[in-house]
Amino acid sequence: MTVLTIRDMPDDQMQTLKVRAAQAGQSLQAYVKDVLARETAKPTLGEMMQRLDREATADVSTRDVLEAIDEMRAGR
């Protein structure tokens, strides 16, 4: 596992993290790990846009989409 060191953390931010960790009943290390895990678990908007660009097919037209919607509605 990798070790992460953060230098020059402003005192007020450090104090806020310590208080939030205590309120969550966690050590500072466990709290920060949870914060980072939540942050990295979800893709950013930019990452999602890149993924959509890679996965999008140029062969689908607006007409194709509208016809698919109509077919789904008719099948209800």
N, C-alpha and C. Protein backbone atom coordinates (compact mmCIF):
# COMPACT_ATOMS: atom_id res chain seq x y z
N MET A 1 0.84 -1.17 0.00
CA MET A 1 0.00 0.00 0.00
C MET A 1 0.89 1.24 0.00
N THR A 2 0.45 2.30 -0.62
CA THR A 2 1.21 3.53 -0.76
C THR A 2 1.01 4.43 0.45
N VAL A 3 2.04 5.17 0.79
CA VAL A 3 1.98 6.15 1.87
C VAL A 3 1.83 7.52 1.23
N LEU A 4 0.93 8.33 1.79
CA LEU A 4 0.69 9.67 1.28
C LEU A 4 1.07 10.68 2.34
N THR A 5 1.89 11.65 1.99
CA THR A 5 2.28 12.72 2.90
C THR A 5 1.80 14.03 2.32
N ILE A 6 1.15 14.81 3.16
CA ILE A 6 0.67 16.13 2.72
C ILE A 6 1.43 17.18 3.52
N ARG A 7 2.15 18.02 2.82
CA ARG A 7 2.93 19.06 3.48
C ARG A 7 2.21 20.41 3.37
N ASP A 8 2.53 21.29 4.29
CA ASP A 8 2.05 22.68 4.27
C ASP A 8 0.53 22.77 4.31
N MET A 9 -0.10 21.91 5.09
CA MET A 9 -1.55 21.95 5.26
C MET A 9 -1.88 23.12 6.19
N PRO A 10 -2.74 24.03 5.77
CA PRO A 10 -3.10 25.16 6.65
C PRO A 10 -3.70 24.66 7.97
N ASP A 11 -3.32 25.32 9.05
CA ASP A 11 -3.76 24.90 10.39
C ASP A 11 -5.27 24.84 10.53
N ASP A 12 -5.98 25.81 9.95
CA ASP A 12 -7.44 25.81 10.09
C ASP A 12 -8.08 24.62 9.38
N GLN A 13 -7.55 24.23 8.25
CA GLN A 13 -8.07 23.06 7.53
C GLN A 13 -7.76 21.78 8.31
N MET A 14 -6.57 21.72 8.88
CA MET A 14 -6.19 20.55 9.67
C MET A 14 -7.10 20.40 10.88
N GLN A 15 -7.37 21.52 11.53
CA GLN A 15 -8.26 21.49 12.70
C GLN A 15 -9.67 21.05 12.31
N THR A 16 -10.15 21.51 11.18
CA THR A 16 -11.48 21.11 10.70
C THR A 16 -11.52 19.61 10.45
N LEU A 17 -10.48 19.07 9.84
CA LEU A 17 -10.43 17.63 9.60
C LEU A 17 -10.40 16.84 10.90
N LYS A 18 -9.64 17.32 11.86
CA LYS A 18 -9.57 16.64 13.16
C LYS A 18 -10.93 16.63 13.86
N VAL A 19 -11.62 17.75 13.81
CA VAL A 19 -12.93 17.85 14.45
C VAL A 19 -13.92 16.92 13.74
N ARG A 20 -13.92 16.93 12.42
CA ARG A 20 -14.84 16.06 11.67
C ARG A 20 -14.54 14.58 11.92
N ALA A 21 -13.28 14.24 12.00
CA ALA A 21 -12.90 12.86 12.30
C ALA A 21 -13.42 12.46 13.68
N ALA A 22 -13.23 13.33 14.65
CA ALA A 22 -13.71 13.03 16.01
C ALA A 22 -15.22 12.89 16.03
N GLN A 23 -15.92 13.76 15.32
CA GLN A 23 -17.39 13.68 15.27
C GLN A 23 -17.85 12.40 14.60
N ALA A 24 -17.07 11.89 13.68
CA ALA A 24 -17.41 10.64 12.99
C ALA A 24 -16.94 9.42 13.78
N GLY A 25 -16.25 9.66 14.90
CA GLY A 25 -15.75 8.56 15.70
C GLY A 25 -14.60 7.82 15.03
N GLN A 26 -13.82 8.55 14.26
CA GLN A 26 -12.71 7.94 13.51
C GLN A 26 -11.41 8.64 13.85
N SER A 27 -10.33 7.95 13.57
CA SER A 27 -9.02 8.60 13.65
C SER A 27 -8.93 9.55 12.45
N LEU A 28 -7.99 10.47 12.53
CA LEU A 28 -7.78 11.39 11.41
C LEU A 28 -7.43 10.61 10.15
N GLN A 29 -6.56 9.61 10.28
CA GLN A 29 -6.16 8.81 9.13
C GLN A 29 -7.35 8.10 8.50
N ALA A 30 -8.19 7.46 9.32
CA ALA A 30 -9.34 6.73 8.80
C ALA A 30 -10.32 7.69 8.13
N TYR A 31 -10.53 8.85 8.74
CA TYR A 31 -11.46 9.83 8.18
C TYR A 31 -10.98 10.33 6.81
N VAL A 32 -9.70 10.68 6.72
CA VAL A 32 -9.16 11.19 5.45
C VAL A 32 -9.18 10.10 4.39
N LYS A 33 -8.90 8.85 4.78
CA LYS A 33 -8.98 7.75 3.82
C LYS A 33 -10.40 7.60 3.29
N ASP A 34 -11.39 7.73 4.17
CA ASP A 34 -12.79 7.65 3.73
C ASP A 34 -13.14 8.80 2.77
N VAL A 35 -12.68 10.00 3.09
CA VAL A 35 -12.94 11.16 2.22
C VAL A 35 -12.34 10.92 0.84
N LEU A 36 -11.10 10.45 0.81
CA LEU A 36 -10.44 10.20 -0.48
C LEU A 36 -11.10 9.05 -1.23
N ALA A 37 -11.53 8.02 -0.51
CA ALA A 37 -12.20 6.89 -1.16
C ALA A 37 -13.51 7.34 -1.80
N ARG A 38 -14.28 8.18 -1.10
CA ARG A 38 -15.53 8.69 -1.68
C ARG A 38 -15.26 9.55 -2.91
N GLU A 39 -14.23 10.35 -2.83
CA GLU A 39 -13.90 11.26 -3.94
C GLU A 39 -13.46 10.49 -5.18
N THR A 40 -12.70 9.43 -4.98
CA THR A 40 -12.19 8.69 -6.13
C THR A 40 -13.16 7.63 -6.64
N ALA A 41 -14.21 7.36 -5.89
CA ALA A 41 -15.17 6.33 -6.30
C ALA A 41 -16.10 6.80 -7.42
N LYS A 42 -16.27 8.09 -7.54
CA LYS A 42 -17.19 8.61 -8.56
C LYS A 42 -16.39 9.37 -9.63
N PRO A 43 -16.71 9.14 -10.89
CA PRO A 43 -15.98 9.84 -11.95
C PRO A 43 -16.36 11.32 -11.99
N THR A 44 -15.42 12.14 -12.43
CA THR A 44 -15.71 13.55 -12.61
C THR A 44 -16.56 13.73 -13.87
N LEU A 45 -17.13 14.88 -14.04
CA LEU A 45 -17.91 15.18 -15.23
C LEU A 45 -17.03 15.05 -16.48
N GLY A 46 -15.80 15.55 -16.39
CA GLY A 46 -14.88 15.44 -17.51
C GLY A 46 -14.57 14.00 -17.87
N GLU A 47 -14.38 13.15 -16.85
CA GLU A 47 -14.13 11.73 -17.10
C GLU A 47 -15.34 11.06 -17.75
N MET A 48 -16.53 11.43 -17.30
CA MET A 48 -17.74 10.87 -17.90
C MET A 48 -17.90 11.31 -19.35
N MET A 49 -17.58 12.56 -19.63
CA MET A 49 -17.69 13.05 -21.00
C MET A 49 -16.70 12.31 -21.91
N GLN A 50 -15.48 12.08 -21.42
CA GLN A 50 -14.50 11.33 -22.21
C GLN A 50 -14.99 9.91 -22.46
N ARG A 51 -15.56 9.30 -21.45
CA ARG A 51 -16.07 7.94 -21.60
C ARG A 51 -17.20 7.91 -22.62
N LEU A 52 -18.10 8.87 -22.55
CA LEU A 52 -19.20 8.92 -23.51
C LEU A 52 -18.68 9.14 -24.93
N ASP A 53 -17.68 9.99 -25.06
CA ASP A 53 -17.09 10.21 -26.39
C ASP A 53 -16.48 8.93 -26.95
N ARG A 54 -15.83 8.14 -26.10
CA ARG A 54 -15.21 6.88 -26.55
C ARG A 54 -16.28 5.86 -26.93
N GLU A 55 -17.37 5.83 -26.16
CA GLU A 55 -18.37 4.78 -26.36
C GLU A 55 -19.47 5.16 -27.34
N ALA A 56 -19.57 6.44 -27.65
CA ALA A 56 -20.64 6.88 -28.56
C ALA A 56 -20.39 6.34 -29.97
N THR A 57 -21.48 5.96 -30.59
CA THR A 57 -21.35 5.51 -31.98
C THR A 57 -21.96 6.57 -32.88
N ALA A 58 -21.27 6.87 -33.95
CA ALA A 58 -21.73 7.90 -34.87
C ALA A 58 -22.83 7.38 -35.79
N ASP A 59 -23.11 6.07 -35.73
CA ASP A 59 -24.08 5.47 -36.62
C ASP A 59 -25.53 5.68 -36.16
N VAL A 60 -25.73 6.26 -35.00
CA VAL A 60 -27.08 6.44 -34.48
C VAL A 60 -27.52 7.87 -34.75
N SER A 61 -28.64 8.00 -35.43
CA SER A 61 -29.16 9.33 -35.75
C SER A 61 -30.27 9.71 -34.78
N THR A 62 -30.66 10.93 -34.82
CA THR A 62 -31.78 11.39 -34.00
C THR A 62 -33.04 10.62 -34.37
N ARG A 63 -33.20 10.37 -35.64
CA ARG A 63 -34.37 9.62 -36.11
C ARG A 63 -34.38 8.21 -35.51
N ASP A 64 -33.20 7.56 -35.46
CA ASP A 64 -33.11 6.23 -34.85
C ASP A 64 -33.54 6.26 -33.39
N VAL A 65 -33.12 7.28 -32.68
CA VAL A 65 -33.46 7.40 -31.26
C VAL A 65 -34.97 7.60 -31.11
N LEU A 66 -35.54 8.49 -31.91
CA LEU A 66 -36.98 8.76 -31.82
C LEU A 66 -37.80 7.52 -32.18
N GLU A 67 -37.36 6.77 -33.18
CA GLU A 67 -38.05 5.55 -33.55
C GLU A 67 -37.99 4.50 -32.42
N ALA A 68 -36.84 4.42 -31.77
CA ALA A 68 -36.69 3.49 -30.64
C ALA A 68 -37.62 3.88 -29.50
N ILE A 69 -37.74 5.16 -29.24
CA ILE A 69 -38.65 5.63 -28.20
C ILE A 69 -40.08 5.29 -28.56
N ASP A 70 -40.46 5.55 -29.80
CA ASP A 70 -41.82 5.22 -30.24
C ASP A 70 -42.10 3.72 -30.10
N GLU A 71 -41.12 2.89 -30.45
CA GLU A 71 -41.29 1.45 -30.34
C GLU A 71 -41.47 1.02 -28.89
N MET A 72 -40.71 1.62 -28.00
CA MET A 72 -40.82 1.29 -26.58
C MET A 72 -42.19 1.71 -26.05
N ARG A 73 -42.64 2.90 -26.45
CA ARG A 73 -43.95 3.37 -26.00
C ARG A 73 -45.07 2.48 -26.51
N ALA A 74 -44.96 2.01 -27.75
CA ALA A 74 -45.98 1.15 -28.34
C ALA A 74 -46.01 -0.20 -27.65
N GLY A 75 -44.89 -0.63 -27.11
CA GLY A 75 -44.82 -1.93 -26.45
C GLY A 75 -45.36 -1.93 -25.04
N ARG A 76 -45.73 -0.81 -24.50
CA ARG A 76 -46.25 -0.75 -23.12
C ARG A 76 -47.58 -1.37 -22.99
